[in-house]
C-alpha atoms as a PDB file:
ATOM      1  CA  UNK A   1     -15.904 -90.421-208.354  1.00  0.00           C
ATOM      2  CA  UNK A   2     -15.138 -93.581-206.369  1.00  0.00           C
ATOM      3  CA  UNK A   3     -17.605 -95.238-203.999  1.00  0.00           C
ATOM      4  CA  UNK A   4     -16.331 -95.997-200.493  1.00  0.00           C
ATOM      5  CA  UNK A   5     -17.353 -98.309-197.696  1.00  0.00           C
ATOM      6  CA  UNK A   6     -20.109 -96.771-195.535  1.00  0.00           C
ATOM      7  CA  UNK A   7     -17.853 -97.494-192.535  1.00  0.00           C
ATOM      8  CA  UNK A   8     -14.786 -95.810-194.044  1.00  0.00           C
ATOM      9  CA  UNK A   9     -12.607 -98.905-194.410  1.00  0.00           C
ATOM     10  CA  UNK A  10     -11.431 -97.615-197.804  1.00  0.00           C
ATOM     11  CA  UNK A  11      -9.513 -94.914-195.876  1.00  0.00           C
ATOM     12  CA  UNK A  12      -7.502 -97.385-193.778  1.00  0.00           C
ATOM     13  CA  UNK A  13      -3.814 -97.455-194.728  1.00  0.00           C
ATOM     14  CA  UNK A  14      -2.469 -99.642-191.946  1.00  0.00           C
ATOM     15  CA  UNK A  15      -3.100-102.245-190.833  1.00  0.00           C
ATOM     16  CA  UNK A  16      -5.385-103.311-193.643  1.00  0.00           C
ATOM     17  CA  UNK A  17      -8.552-105.191-192.770  1.00  0.00           C
ATOM     18  CA  UNK A  18      -9.568-103.143-189.719  1.00  0.00           C
ATOM     19  CA  UNK A  19     -12.094-100.350-189.233  1.00  0.00           C
ATOM     20  CA  UNK A  20     -10.936 -96.704-189.122  1.00  0.00           C
ATOM     21  CA  UNK A  21     -11.036 -96.349-185.321  1.00  0.00           C
ATOM     22  CA  UNK A  22      -8.557 -99.112-184.388  1.00  0.00           C
ATOM     23  CA  UNK A  23      -6.426 -98.436-187.492  1.00  0.00           C
ATOM     24  CA  UNK A  24      -2.995 -96.938-186.939  1.00  0.00           C
ATOM     25  CA  UNK A  25      -3.136 -94.693-189.997  1.00  0.00           C
ATOM     26  CA  UNK A  26      -5.821 -93.312-192.296  1.00  0.00           C
ATOM     27  CA  UNK A  27      -5.720 -91.738-195.744  1.00  0.00           C
ATOM     28  CA  UNK A  28      -6.435 -88.066-195.050  1.00  0.00           C
ATOM     29  CA  UNK A  29      -6.367 -86.781-198.617  1.00  0.00           C
ATOM     30  CA  UNK A  30      -9.371 -84.524-198.958  1.00  0.00           C
ATOM     31  CA  UNK A  31     -10.666 -85.649-202.347  1.00  0.00           C
ATOM     32  CA  UNK A  32     -13.971 -87.195-201.335  1.00  0.00           C
ATOM     33  CA  UNK A  33     -15.588 -90.458-202.369  1.00  0.00           C
ATOM     34  CA  UNK A  34     -19.193 -90.259-203.569  1.00  0.00           C
ATOM     35  CA  UNK A  35     -20.557 -91.240-200.143  1.00  0.00           C
ATOM     36  CA  UNK A  36     -18.463 -88.919-197.981  1.00  0.00           C
ATOM     37  CA  UNK A  37     -18.889 -85.386-196.645  1.00  0.00           C
ATOM     38  CA  UNK A  38     -16.046 -82.850-196.691  1.00  0.00           C
ATOM     39  CA  UNK A  39     -15.914 -80.433-193.762  1.00  0.00           C
ATOM     40  CA  UNK A  40     -13.960 -77.196-193.405  1.00  0.00           C
ATOM     41  CA  UNK A  41     -12.939 -77.515-189.757  1.00  0.00           C
ATOM     42  CA  UNK A  42     -12.812 -74.549-187.408  1.00  0.00           C
ATOM     43  CA  UNK A  43     -12.254 -76.209-184.016  1.00  0.00           C
ATOM     44  CA  UNK A  44     -11.408 -79.502-182.372  1.00  0.00           C
ATOM     45  CA  UNK A  45     -12.651 -80.516-178.946  1.00  0.00           C
ATOM     46  CA  UNK A  46      -9.989 -82.952-177.716  1.00  0.00           C
ATOM     47  CA  UNK A  47     -11.470 -85.438-175.279  1.00  0.00           C
ATOM     48  CA  UNK A  48     -10.614 -84.699-171.678  1.00  0.00           C
ATOM     49  CA  UNK A  49      -8.431 -87.757-170.990  1.00  0.00           C
ATOM     50  CA  UNK A  50      -6.416 -87.119-174.160  1.00  0.00           C
ATOM     51  CA  UNK A  51      -5.985 -83.386-173.633  1.00  0.00           C
ATOM     52  CA  UNK A  52      -4.983 -83.879-170.006  1.00  0.00           C
ATOM     53  CA  UNK A  53      -2.287 -86.328-171.117  1.00  0.00           C
ATOM     54  CA  UNK A  54      -1.055 -84.030-173.918  1.00  0.00           C
ATOM     55  CA  UNK A  55      -0.892 -80.974-171.630  1.00  0.00           C
ATOM     56  CA  UNK A  56       1.068 -82.917-169.043  1.00  0.00           C
ATOM     57  CA  UNK A  57       3.482 -84.340-171.624  1.00  0.00           C
ATOM     58  CA  UNK A  58       4.081 -80.833-173.011  1.00  0.00           C
ATOM     59  CA  UNK A  59       4.409 -79.130-169.595  1.00  0.00           C
ATOM     60  CA  UNK A  60       1.357 -76.980-170.425  1.00  0.00           C
ATOM     61  CA  UNK A  61       3.356 -75.122-173.077  1.00  0.00           C
ATOM     62  CA  UNK A  62       0.966 -74.013-175.840  1.00  0.00           C
ATOM     63  CA  UNK A  63       3.559 -74.132-178.638  1.00  0.00           C
ATOM     64  CA  UNK A  64       4.545 -77.669-177.682  1.00  0.00           C
ATOM     65  CA  UNK A  65       0.902 -78.724-177.410  1.00  0.00           C
ATOM     66  CA  UNK A  66       0.199 -77.343-180.890  1.00  0.00           C
ATOM     67  CA  UNK A  67       3.214 -79.182-182.310  1.00  0.00           C
ATOM     68  CA  UNK A  68       2.170 -82.393-180.533  1.00  0.00           C
ATOM     69  CA  UNK A  69      -1.372 -82.247-181.928  1.00  0.00           C
ATOM     70  CA  UNK A  70      -0.037 -81.605-185.423  1.00  0.00           C
ATOM     71  CA  UNK A  71       2.433 -84.489-185.085  1.00  0.00           C
ATOM     72  CA  UNK A  72      -0.330 -86.939-184.145  1.00  0.00           C
ATOM     73  CA  UNK A  73      -2.390 -85.955-187.180  1.00  0.00           C
ATOM     74  CA  UNK A  74       0.631 -85.967-189.507  1.00  0.00           C
ATOM     75  CA  UNK A  75       1.571 -89.479-188.380  1.00  0.00           C
ATOM     76  CA  UNK A  76      -1.881 -91.023-188.249  1.00  0.00           C
ATOM     77  CA  UNK A  77      -4.120 -89.028-190.610  1.00  0.00           C
ATOM     78  CA  UNK A  78      -6.504 -88.475-187.693  1.00  0.00           C
ATOM     79  CA  UNK A  79      -6.346 -87.133-184.140  1.00  0.00           C
ATOM     80  CA  UNK A  80      -5.965 -90.436-182.310  1.00  0.00           C
ATOM     81  CA  UNK A  81      -3.867 -90.070-179.161  1.00  0.00           C
ATOM     82  CA  UNK A  82      -1.540 -93.113-179.083  1.00  0.00           C
ATOM     83  CA  UNK A  83      -1.311 -92.967-175.280  1.00  0.00           C
ATOM     84  CA  UNK A  84      -4.998 -92.721-174.322  1.00  0.00           C
ATOM     85  CA  UNK A  85      -6.408 -94.250-177.516  1.00  0.00           C
ATOM     86  CA  UNK A  86      -9.053 -91.515-177.655  1.00  0.00           C
ATOM     87  CA  UNK A  87      -9.879 -88.560-179.865  1.00  0.00           C
ATOM     88  CA  UNK A  88     -12.622 -85.970-179.423  1.00  0.00           C
ATOM     89  CA  UNK A  89     -14.882 -84.292-181.988  1.00  0.00           C
ATOM     90  CA  UNK A  90     -15.001 -81.222-184.234  1.00  0.00           C
ATOM     91  CA  UNK A  91     -17.122 -78.399-185.574  1.00  0.00           C
ATOM     92  CA  UNK A  92     -16.984 -76.957-189.038  1.00  0.00           C
ATOM     93  CA  UNK A  93     -18.810 -76.045-192.233  1.00  0.00           C
ATOM     94  CA  UNK A  94     -20.028 -78.523-194.838  1.00  0.00           C
ATOM     95  CA  UNK A  95     -17.852 -77.899-197.912  1.00  0.00           C
ATOM     96  CA  UNK A  96     -18.931 -80.733-200.212  1.00  0.00           C
ATOM     97  CA  UNK A  97     -21.428 -83.606-200.160  1.00  0.00           C
ATOM     98  CA  UNK A  98     -20.841 -86.730-202.211  1.00  0.00           C
ATOM     99  CA  UNK A  99     -23.554 -87.280-204.841  1.00  0.00           C
ATOM    100  CA  UNK A 100     -24.517 -90.668-203.370  1.00  0.00           C
ATOM    101  CA  UNK A 101     -25.568 -88.881-200.175  1.00  0.00           C
ATOM    102  CA  UNK A 102     -27.087 -85.727-201.628  1.00  0.00           C
ATOM    103  CA  UNK A 103     -30.721 -86.862-201.439  1.00  0.00           C
ATOM    104  CA  UNK A 104     -30.362 -88.996-198.321  1.00  0.00           C
ATOM    105  CA  UNK A 105     -29.276 -86.528-195.651  1.00  0.00           C
ATOM    106  CA  UNK A 106     -30.624 -83.259-194.263  1.00  0.00           C
ATOM    107  CA  UNK A 107     -27.465 -81.278-194.980  1.00  0.00           C
ATOM    108  CA  UNK A 108     -26.445 -78.732-197.571  1.00  0.00           C
ATOM    109  CA  UNK A 109     -23.165 -77.011-198.365  1.00  0.00           C
ATOM    110  CA  UNK A 110     -22.615 -74.169-195.905  1.00  0.00           C
ATOM    111  CA  UNK A 111     -24.329 -75.826-192.923  1.00  0.00           C
ATOM    112  CA  UNK A 112     -22.482 -75.582-189.623  1.00  0.00           C
ATOM    113  CA  UNK A 113     -22.221 -78.972-187.952  1.00  0.00           C
ATOM    114  CA  UNK A 114     -20.593 -80.838-185.105  1.00  0.00           C
ATOM    115  CA  UNK A 115     -19.457 -84.392-185.726  1.00  0.00           C
ATOM    116  CA  UNK A 116     -20.746 -86.891-183.183  1.00  0.00           C
ATOM    117  CA  UNK A 117     -18.144 -89.543-183.992  1.00  0.00           C
ATOM    118  CA  UNK A 118     -14.662 -89.660-182.533  1.00  0.00           C
ATOM    119  CA  UNK A 119     -11.689 -87.876-184.037  1.00  0.00           C
ATOM    120  CA  UNK A 120      -9.946 -91.231-183.572  1.00  0.00           C
ATOM    121  CA  UNK A 121     -11.762 -92.478-186.694  1.00  0.00           C
ATOM    122  CA  UNK A 122     -12.111 -89.213-188.650  1.00  0.00           C
ATOM    123  CA  UNK A 123      -9.689 -88.446-191.508  1.00  0.00           C
ATOM    124  CA  UNK A 124      -8.275 -85.018-190.640  1.00  0.00           C
ATOM    125  CA  UNK A 125      -5.813 -82.559-192.129  1.00  0.00           C
ATOM    126  CA  UNK A 126      -4.557 -79.582-190.121  1.00  0.00           C
ATOM    127  CA  UNK A 127      -3.264 -76.637-192.150  1.00  0.00           C
ATOM    128  CA  UNK A 128      -2.840 -74.268-189.207  1.00  0.00           C
ATOM    129  CA  UNK A 129      -3.393 -74.241-185.473  1.00  0.00           C
ATOM    130  CA  UNK A 130      -4.756 -70.818-184.625  1.00  0.00           C
ATOM    131  CA  UNK A 131      -5.288 -71.000-180.876  1.00  0.00           C
ATOM    132  CA  UNK A 132      -5.019 -73.430-177.971  1.00  0.00           C
ATOM    133  CA  UNK A 133      -7.642 -73.142-175.216  1.00  0.00           C
ATOM    134  CA  UNK A 134      -5.851 -74.834-172.328  1.00  0.00           C
ATOM    135  CA  UNK A 135      -8.772 -74.894-169.911  1.00  0.00           C
ATOM    136  CA  UNK A 136     -11.482 -75.786-172.429  1.00  0.00           C
ATOM    137  CA  UNK A 137      -9.872 -78.767-174.211  1.00  0.00           C
ATOM    138  CA  UNK A 138     -10.388 -76.908-177.489  1.00  0.00           C
ATOM    139  CA  UNK A 139      -8.063 -76.156-180.392  1.00  0.00           C
ATOM    140  CA  UNK A 140      -8.983 -73.634-183.092  1.00  0.00           C
ATOM    141  CA  UNK A 141      -7.628 -74.732-186.469  1.00  0.00           C
ATOM    142  CA  UNK A 142      -7.811 -74.268-190.200  1.00  0.00           C
ATOM    143  CA  UNK A 143      -8.127 -77.647-191.858  1.00  0.00           C
ATOM    144  CA  UNK A 144     -10.477 -80.214-193.318  1.00  0.00           C
ATOM    145  CA  UNK A 145     -12.029 -83.514-192.310  1.00  0.00           C
ATOM    146  CA  UNK A 146     -14.035 -86.351-193.831  1.00  0.00           C
ATOM    147  CA  UNK A 147     -17.305 -87.704-192.459  1.00  0.00           C
ATOM    148  CA  UNK A 148     -18.217 -91.211-193.602  1.00  0.00           C
ATOM    149  CA  UNK A 149     -21.658 -92.305-194.755  1.00  0.00           C
ATOM    150  CA  UNK A 150     -22.445 -93.781-191.337  1.00  0.00           C
ATOM    151  CA  UNK A 151     -20.940 -90.820-189.461  1.00  0.00           C
ATOM    152  CA  UNK A 152     -23.176 -89.074-186.945  1.00  0.00           C
ATOM    153  CA  UNK A 153     -23.492 -85.297-186.854  1.00  0.00           C
ATOM    154  CA  UNK A 154     -25.626 -82.521-185.428  1.00  0.00           C
ATOM    155  CA  UNK A 155     -26.451 -79.184-186.966  1.00  0.00           C
ATOM    156  CA  UNK A 156     -25.199 -76.470-184.668  1.00  0.00           C
ATOM    157  CA  UNK A 157     -28.049 -74.678-182.887  1.00  0.00           C
ATOM    158  CA  UNK A 158     -28.697 -71.013-183.533  1.00  0.00           C
ATOM    159  CA  UNK A 159     -29.591 -70.236-179.914  1.00  0.00           C
ATOM    160  CA  UNK A 160     -26.380 -71.554-178.286  1.00  0.00           C
ATOM    161  CA  UNK A 161     -22.847 -70.240-178.836  1.00  0.00           C
ATOM    162  CA  UNK A 162     -20.754 -72.550-181.055  1.00  0.00           C
ATOM    163  CA  UNK A 163     -17.928 -73.014-178.550  1.00  0.00           C
ATOM    164  CA  UNK A 164     -20.437 -73.913-175.880  1.00  0.00           C
ATOM    165  CA  UNK A 165     -22.273 -76.296-178.211  1.00  0.00           C
ATOM    166  CA  UNK A 166     -18.942 -77.944-179.116  1.00  0.00           C
ATOM    167  CA  UNK A 167     -18.115 -78.494-175.440  1.00  0.00           C
ATOM    168  CA  UNK A 168     -21.538 -79.913-174.622  1.00  0.00           C
ATOM    169  CA  UNK A 169     -21.913 -82.142-177.673  1.00  0.00           C
ATOM    170  CA  UNK A 170     -18.528 -83.734-176.978  1.00  0.00           C
ATOM    171  CA  UNK A 171     -19.957 -85.306-173.807  1.00  0.00           C
ATOM    172  CA  UNK A 172     -23.614 -85.572-174.817  1.00  0.00           C
ATOM    173  CA  UNK A 173     -23.655 -89.333-174.274  1.00  0.00           C
ATOM    174  CA  UNK A 174     -23.030 -88.984-170.538  1.00  0.00           C
ATOM    175  CA  UNK A 175     -26.228 -87.191-169.421  1.00  0.00           C
ATOM    176  CA  UNK A 176     -28.320 -89.220-171.891  1.00  0.00           C
ATOM    177  CA  UNK A 177     -27.047 -92.495-170.423  1.00  0.00           C
ATOM    178  CA  UNK A 178     -27.485 -91.105-166.902  1.00  0.00           C
ATOM    179  CA  UNK A 179     -31.137 -90.416-167.696  1.00  0.00           C
ATOM    180  CA  UNK A 180     -31.552 -94.085-168.673  1.00  0.00           C
ATOM    181  CA  UNK A 181     -29.782 -95.525-165.640  1.00  0.00           C
ATOM    182  CA  UNK A 182     -31.029 -93.451-162.709  1.00  0.00           C
ATOM    183  CA  UNK A 183     -34.425 -94.273-161.229  1.00  0.00           C
ATOM    184  CA  UNK A 184     -36.513 -92.325-158.675  1.00  0.00           C
ATOM    185  CA  UNK A 185     -35.168 -92.800-155.171  1.00  0.00           C
ATOM    186  CA  UNK A 186     -31.735 -93.999-156.306  1.00  0.00           C
ATOM    187  CA  UNK A 187     -28.496 -93.106-154.578  1.00  0.00           C
ATOM    188  CA  UNK A 188     -26.121 -91.891-157.288  1.00  0.00           C
ATOM    189  CA  UNK A 189     -22.389 -91.159-157.072  1.00  0.00           C
ATOM    190  CA  UNK A 190     -20.861 -89.004-159.817  1.00  0.00           C
ATOM    191  CA  UNK A 191     -17.058 -89.303-159.751  1.00  0.00           C
ATOM    192  CA  UNK A 192     -15.617 -86.204-161.362  1.00  0.00           C
ATOM    193  CA  UNK A 193     -18.825 -84.354-160.584  1.00  0.00           C
ATOM    194  CA  UNK A 194     -17.131 -80.968-160.824  1.00  0.00           C
ATOM    195  CA  UNK A 195     -16.038 -81.392-164.453  1.00  0.00           C
ATOM    196  CA  UNK A 196     -17.881 -80.788-167.717  1.00  0.00           C
ATOM    197  CA  UNK A 197     -19.522 -84.175-168.211  1.00  0.00           C
ATOM    198  CA  UNK A 198     -19.784 -84.660-164.458  1.00  0.00           C
ATOM    199  CA  UNK A 199     -21.774 -81.451-163.967  1.00  0.00           C
ATOM    200  CA  UNK A 200     -24.252 -82.490-166.650  1.00  0.00           C
ATOM    201  CA  UNK A 201     -24.548 -85.923-165.037  1.00  0.00           C
ATOM    202  CA  UNK A 202     -25.085 -84.466-161.565  1.00  0.00           C
ATOM    203  CA  UNK A 203     -27.871 -82.261-162.918  1.00  0.00           C
ATOM    204  CA  UNK A 204     -29.474 -85.147-164.815  1.00  0.00           C
ATOM    205  CA  UNK A 205     -29.119 -87.527-161.865  1.00  0.00           C
ATOM    206  CA  UNK A 206     -30.900 -85.070-159.580  1.00  0.00           C
ATOM    207  CA  UNK A 207     -33.743 -84.775-162.089  1.00  0.00           C
ATOM    208  CA  UNK A 208     -34.158 -88.538-162.329  1.00  0.00           C
ATOM    209  CA  UNK A 209     -33.564 -89.505-158.676  1.00  0.00           C
ATOM    210  CA  UNK A 210     -35.971 -86.862-157.423  1.00  0.00           C
ATOM    211  CA  UNK A 211     -36.569 -85.651-153.901  1.00  0.00           C
ATOM    212  CA  UNK A 212     -36.430 -89.182-152.481  1.00  0.00           C
ATOM    213  CA  UNK A 213     -33.061 -89.886-154.098  1.00  0.00           C
ATOM    214  CA  UNK A 214     -29.547 -88.898-153.101  1.00  0.00           C
ATOM    215  CA  UNK A 215     -26.890 -87.493-155.434  1.00  0.00           C
ATOM    216  CA  UNK A 216     -23.263 -87.483-154.312  1.00  0.00           C
ATOM    217  CA  UNK A 217     -20.623 -85.549-156.236  1.00  0.00           C
ATOM    218  CA  UNK A 218     -16.948 -86.486-155.892  1.00  0.00           C
ATOM    219  CA  UNK A 219     -13.876 -84.387-156.686  1.00  0.00           C
ATOM    220  CA  UNK A 220     -10.392 -84.073-155.189  1.00  0.00           C
ATOM    221  CA  UNK A 221     -10.604 -80.280-155.534  1.00  0.00           C
ATOM    222  CA  UNK A 222     -12.141 -77.994-152.914  1.00  0.00           C
ATOM    223  CA  UNK A 223     -13.304 -75.476-155.537  1.00  0.00           C
ATOM    224  CA  UNK A 224     -15.241 -78.179-157.377  1.00  0.00           C
ATOM    225  CA  UNK A 225     -16.919 -79.322-154.181  1.00  0.00           C
ATOM    226  CA  UNK A 226     -17.828 -75.753-153.274  1.00  0.00           C
ATOM    227  CA  UNK A 227     -19.345 -75.174-156.719  1.00  0.00           C
ATOM    228  CA  UNK A 228     -21.289 -78.448-156.616  1.00  0.00           C
ATOM    229  CA  UNK A 229     -22.710 -77.437-153.239  1.00  0.00           C
ATOM    230  CA  UNK A 230     -23.592 -73.929-154.399  1.00  0.00           C
ATOM    231  CA  UNK A 231     -25.343 -75.194-157.531  1.00  0.00           C
ATOM    232  CA  UNK A 232     -27.589 -77.278-155.307  1.00  0.00           C
ATOM    233  CA  UNK A 233     -27.852 -80.467-157.349  1.00  0.00           C
ATOM    234  CA  UNK A 234     -25.875 -82.676-154.957  1.00  0.00           C
ATOM    235  CA  UNK A 235     -26.915 -83.795-151.507  1.00  0.00           C
ATOM    236  CA  UNK A 236     -23.264 -84.333-150.611  1.00  0.00           C
ATOM    237  CA  UNK A 237     -20.026 -83.077-152.169  1.00  0.00           C
ATOM    238  CA  UNK A 238     -17.108 -85.311-151.179  1.00  0.00           C
ATOM    239  CA  UNK A 239     -13.565 -84.028-151.534  1.00  0.00           C
ATOM    240  CA  UNK A 240     -11.837 -87.347-152.187  1.00  0.00           C
ATOM    241  CA  UNK A 241      -9.208 -88.563-154.625  1.00  0.00           C
ATOM    242  CA  UNK A 242     -10.965 -91.372-156.500  1.00  0.00           C
ATOM    243  CA  UNK A 243      -7.660 -93.139-157.161  1.00  0.00           C
ATOM    244  CA  UNK A 244      -7.656 -93.931-153.426  1.00  0.00           C
ATOM    245  CA  UNK A 245     -10.274 -96.656-153.572  1.00  0.00           C
ATOM    246  CA  UNK A 246     -10.566 -97.234-149.822  1.00  0.00           C
ATOM    247  CA  UNK A 247     -10.871 -93.520-149.065  1.00  0.00           C
ATOM    248  CA  UNK A 248     -13.662 -93.172-151.615  1.00  0.00           C
ATOM    249  CA  UNK A 249     -15.458 -96.238-150.266  1.00  0.00           C
ATOM    250  CA  UNK A 250     -15.280 -94.898-146.710  1.00  0.00           C
ATOM    251  CA  UNK A 251     -16.487 -91.440-147.732  1.00  0.00           C
ATOM    252  CA  UNK A 252     -19.484 -92.827-149.636  1.00  0.00           C
ATOM    253  CA  UNK A 253     -20.254 -95.257-146.816  1.00  0.00           C
ATOM    254  CA  UNK A 254     -20.213 -92.350-144.391  1.00  0.00           C
ATOM    255  CA  UNK A 255     -22.977 -90.421-146.156  1.00  0.00           C
ATOM    256  CA  UNK A 256     -25.088 -93.453-147.135  1.00  0.00           C
ATOM    257  CA  UNK A 257     -25.022 -95.239-143.768  1.00  0.00           C
ATOM    258  CA  UNK A 258     -23.055 -97.989-145.432  1.00  0.00           C
ATOM    259  CA  UNK A 259     -25.642 -98.705-148.123  1.00  0.00           C
ATOM    260  CA  UNK A 260     -23.451 -97.353-150.949  1.00  0.00           C
ATOM    261  CA  UNK A 261     -24.753 -96.338-154.391  1.00  0.00           C
ATOM    262  CA  UNK A 262     -27.291 -97.856-156.746  1.00  0.00           C
ATOM    263  CA  UNK A 263     -25.556 -96.134-159.652  1.00  0.00           C
ATOM    264  CA  UNK A 264     -22.011 -94.806-160.010  1.00  0.00           C
ATOM    265  CA  UNK A 265     -21.171 -92.538-162.959  1.00  0.00           C
ATOM    266  CA  UNK A 266     -17.413 -92.226-163.581  1.00  0.00           C
ATOM    267  CA  UNK A 267     -16.504 -89.059-165.521  1.00  0.00           C
ATOM    268  CA  UNK A 268     -12.873 -88.548-164.525  1.00  0.00           C
ATOM    269  CA  UNK A 269     -10.034 -87.963-167.000  1.00  0.00           C
ATOM    270  CA  UNK A 270      -7.255 -89.812-165.164  1.00  0.00           C
ATOM    271  CA  UNK A 271      -6.522 -93.556-164.779  1.00  0.00           C
ATOM    272  CA  UNK A 272      -6.812 -95.806-161.718  1.00  0.00           C
ATOM    273  CA  UNK A 273     -10.304 -94.912-160.545  1.00  0.00           C
ATOM    274  CA  UNK A 274     -11.872 -98.270-161.389  1.00  0.00           C
ATOM    275  CA  UNK A 275     -11.631 -99.787-157.905  1.00  0.00           C
ATOM    276  CA  UNK A 276     -12.971 -96.671-156.236  1.00  0.00           C
ATOM    277  CA  UNK A 277     -16.009 -96.852-158.495  1.00  0.00           C
ATOM    278  CA  UNK A 278     -16.531-100.534-157.733  1.00  0.00           C
ATOM    279  CA  UNK A 279     -16.221-100.195-153.967  1.00  0.00           C
ATOM    280  CA  UNK A 280     -18.626 -97.232-153.951  1.00  0.00           C
ATOM    281  CA  UNK A 281     -21.318 -99.385-155.591  1.00  0.00           C
ATOM    282  CA  UNK A 282     -23.648-101.679-153.681  1.00  0.00           C
ATOM    283  CA  UNK A 283     -24.131-105.326-154.678  1.00  0.00           C
ATOM    284  CA  UNK A 284     -26.134-105.588-157.935  1.00  0.00           C
ATOM    285  CA  UNK A 285     -25.675-101.885-158.579  1.00  0.00           C
ATOM    286  CA  UNK A 286     -24.538-100.320-161.851  1.00  0.00           C
ATOM    287  CA  UNK A 287     -21.398 -98.448-162.883  1.00  0.00           C
ATOM    288  CA  UNK A 288     -21.242 -96.321-166.016  1.00  0.00           C
ATOM    289  CA  UNK A 289     -17.629 -95.751-167.052  1.00  0.00           C
ATOM    290  CA  UNK A 290     -17.851 -92.683-169.277  1.00  0.00           C
ATOM    291  CA  UNK A 291     -14.158 -91.936-168.740  1.00  0.00           C
ATOM    292  CA  UNK A 292     -11.826 -92.771-171.631  1.00  0.00           C
ATOM    293  CA  UNK A 293      -9.083 -93.272-169.036  1.00  0.00           C
ATOM    294  CA  UNK A 294     -10.789 -96.451-167.840  1.00  0.00           C
ATOM    295  CA  UNK A 295      -9.015 -99.794-167.992  1.00  0.00           C
ATOM    296  CA  UNK A 296     -11.748-102.305-168.521  1.00  0.00           C
ATOM    297  CA  UNK A 297      -9.340-105.105-167.613  1.00  0.00           C
ATOM    298  CA  UNK A 298      -8.747-103.448-164.243  1.00  0.00           C
ATOM    299  CA  UNK A 299     -12.490-102.957-163.761  1.00  0.00           C
ATOM    300  CA  UNK A 300     -13.458-106.529-164.631  1.00  0.00           C
ATOM    301  CA  UNK A 301     -10.714-108.223-162.632  1.00  0.00           C
ATOM    302  CA  UNK A 302     -11.020-105.735-159.793  1.00  0.00           C
ATOM    303  CA  UNK A 303     -14.730-106.382-159.306  1.00  0.00           C
ATOM    304  CA  UNK A 304     -14.066-110.100-159.321  1.00  0.00           C
ATOM    305  CA  UNK A 305     -11.272-109.702-156.802  1.00  0.00           C
ATOM    306  CA  UNK A 306     -13.460-107.978-154.201  1.00  0.00           C
ATOM    307  CA  UNK A 307     -16.536-110.120-154.817  1.00  0.00           C
ATOM    308  CA  UNK A 308     -18.699-107.362-156.236  1.00  0.00           C
ATOM    309  CA  UNK A 309     -21.593-108.480-158.447  1.00  0.00           C
ATOM    310  CA  UNK A 310     -22.095-105.213-160.280  1.00  0.00           C
ATOM    311  CA  UNK A 311     -23.124-104.341-163.821  1.00  0.00           C
ATOM    312  CA  UNK A 312     -20.372-102.354-165.533  1.00  0.00           C
ATOM    313  CA  UNK A 313     -21.296-100.371-168.623  1.00  0.00           C
ATOM    314  CA  UNK A 314     -18.884 -99.184-171.294  1.00  0.00           C
ATOM    315  CA  UNK A 315     -19.195 -95.447-171.845  1.00  0.00           C
ATOM    316  CA  UNK A 316     -20.699 -95.429-175.318  1.00  0.00           C
ATOM    317  CA  UNK A 317     -20.604 -91.787-176.380  1.00  0.00           C
ATOM    318  CA  UNK A 318     -23.703 -92.280-178.505  1.00  0.00           C
ATOM    319  CA  UNK A 319     -27.285 -92.682-177.364  1.00  0.00           C
ATOM    320  CA  UNK A 320     -30.356 -92.085-179.475  1.00  0.00           C
ATOM    321  CA  UNK A 321     -31.223 -88.377-179.310  1.00  0.00           C
ATOM    322  CA  UNK A 322     -28.231 -87.591-177.092  1.00  0.00           C
ATOM    323  CA  UNK A 323     -27.238 -84.350-178.844  1.00  0.00           C
ATOM    324  CA  UNK A 324     -30.617 -82.675-178.492  1.00  0.00           C
ATOM    325  CA  UNK A 325     -30.999 -84.085-174.981  1.00  0.00           C
ATOM    326  CA  UNK A 326     -27.749 -82.443-173.821  1.00  0.00           C
ATOM    327  CA  UNK A 327     -28.490 -79.106-175.480  1.00  0.00           C
ATOM    328  CA  UNK A 328     -31.969 -79.086-173.956  1.00  0.00           C
ATOM    329  CA  UNK A 329     -30.436 -79.288-170.476  1.00  0.00           C
ATOM    330  CA  UNK A 330     -28.906 -75.862-171.111  1.00  0.00           C
ATOM    331  CA  UNK A 331     -32.199 -74.548-172.427  1.00  0.00           C
ATOM    332  CA  UNK A 332     -34.177 -75.739-169.404  1.00  0.00           C
ATOM    333  CA  UNK A 333     -31.739 -74.610-166.698  1.00  0.00           C
ATOM    334  CA  UNK A 334     -30.584 -70.973-166.723  1.00  0.00           C
ATOM    335  CA  UNK A 335     -28.166 -71.801-163.888  1.00  0.00           C
ATOM    336  CA  UNK A 336     -26.534 -74.632-165.851  1.00  0.00           C
ATOM    337  CA  UNK A 337     -26.323 -72.518-168.995  1.00  0.00           C
ATOM    338  CA  UNK A 338     -24.805 -69.555-167.153  1.00  0.00           C
ATOM    339  CA  UNK A 339     -22.119 -71.824-165.654  1.00  0.00           C
ATOM    340  CA  UNK A 340     -21.096 -73.267-169.020  1.00  0.00           C
ATOM    341  CA  UNK A 341     -21.212 -69.887-170.743  1.00  0.00           C
ATOM    342  CA  UNK A 342     -18.812 -68.611-168.097  1.00  0.00           C
ATOM    343  CA  UNK A 343     -16.468 -71.554-168.766  1.00  0.00           C
ATOM    344  CA  UNK A 344     -16.639 -71.902-172.547  1.00  0.00           C
ATOM    345  CA  UNK A 345     -17.793 -68.662-174.188  1.00  0.00           C
END
């Protein structure tokens, strides 16, 4: 059995010399190297920006979406959306563990796991698409995938439904990073606060900011704003389109007496919200761009163009302990868990 690079570079077909994530195409043959893990995949959670783009391109037609997903994987050996550049993650059952890893990891054949690395770097083969879940960003499949030696994973919990765990683990980095960034008394704006990652961030922000802080949720949809208000974790729910930077700035200024936000968390799944995020942030504040639809060129040059000295943070989907942190939010809040069970189970 061959030994592969711990980073998976032995799977790169083109262009040679790059890591699996930026590569155009990977080798998705499912004969493992001695330091790889083979997974029988049951479901993909396509990241929100990618799935939104795919649904729009396919006019929300499930057959066309299925064909589109299969085409991406057939062309690239992984689910790496060529438009958004993003992937998602998967759940499945451990089918085989390379002998070089057997005594170094806490897994055994038959364990149910979620991968915590992007589908954009994961060798994947789809044999059948069983079901498309249009409103959950999930695709049930029969297929297999490869996890590299350095690949992150989480064993699926026994006390939380698998579909719900898949949805939560896909965005686990967002609430974990929110917990790091938000301090007591902070004013926090969560753009996309009515979505999956946004709801977790709103909840986490309220925990960290405390009674002396202020949490502001932003969505262009009235139903999202109503739900944010009813859940009780926001002090203000603003119905504003974040692509309209001046409108967002004025709305945030209106509820903060012009002081703006210490921290802005951007969780939206559409482009062109960079300037709204920047203008909603006070001087020397922080912006966490969790959205994979972010143009970091637009953010950097935009902040410069309006004279904003703000710290802008790339939305790293990984933070130490992020998987357990996100799942524990469901365990500690019956209201949060009931909402997500309604949406994903």
